[in-house]
Amino acid sequence: MAMGSTDLLIAIGARFDDRVTGKLDEFAPSAKIIHIDIDPTSISKNVKVDIPIVGDCKDALKKLLQLVKESPIDDLEKVRKPWLDQIRKWKETYPLAYEQKDDLIKPQYVVEKLYELSEGKAIIATEVGQNQMWAAQYYHFARPRTLLTSGGLGTMGYGLPAAIGAQAAFPDRLVIDVAGDGSIQMCIQEMITAVENNLPVKVAILNNQYLGMVRQWQQLFYEKSYCATCLKIAPDFVKLAEAYGALGLRAHKPDEVEAVIREGFASPKPVIMDFVVNPEECVYPMVPAGAAMTEMLLA
């Protein structure tokens, strides 16, 4: 909403791909755009910019900061207040929220509990899909370089090897792979590596028995015509963990989540924590294909 209404957008090393812009002709329609990029072919490729700056972003930002210092704005707080008030109003009216009110575990609740019980100090790796998005939304990252994710590359199976690498680099840190029951099976054999090298990574599987992100599209836009997304026949992740020589734990109900996480964190071994979550929970906000970023679905 801020990008849709802003009068100035400073983009630093951005590609303006479709995940960022949504419908191109409705992207930041009132904004003058300053684009800093070291690659001249990336400037005005997708979105026409008003001020192109070709160069290293570190050098460009230093020079921009110097210009700001040389030409300070009078009553800056007063000038900015209406804009910041508008952003605050959006946040208050449409907060990022969910309700944990029944016997089905909400995946958002699991991620918040991971944050709470790790005191926000863990290194988080993610797989790809809904698990990746819930981790970004509900593990409230306050420290730099603590999120390992493949981003828009969509590399299912990335999370466990990334977590193993992080644990090897930081043996005294808590490292958690937030996973889906689909993505984790792409590289779950790397539990051998974790066990063999005594790397106590913690895998938190948000197990909804689906390839959740694709299922969400089928649920919302194809009248629940589910095809090739159902994972009802899947391994017992607790037994699988034990087969690898790791610790396997499971939670079926919300009141079991905290105890499972505490036990998993306390173990000196690699751990797979299987959280059986609401099978049709969706990630919001969501922008439908071909829509503007301001036309998001909120529920």
Foldseek 3Di string as FASTA:
>chain_A
DCQQPDAEEEAEQDQPDCVNWFQQCSGSVNYAYEYEEQDPCSAPVRHDHDHYHHDDVVVVVVVVVVVCVVDPDPPVVVVCVVVVVVVVVVCVVQPPDDDQDDFFAALLLLLLLLLVVLVLFAQEEEFDAPLLVSNVVRNPHPDPPRYHYPPPVRHQQPGPVVQQVVCVVPVPHAYEYRYELVSCVVPVVCLLVCQVVLRAHEYEYAYLQWSQRVQLCCVPPVVSPDDPTGRPPGDPVQVVCVVSVFHEEEDGGPVCSNVQSVVSRPDSGHYYYYYHGNNNDDDDQADDHNDGPVPTDSD
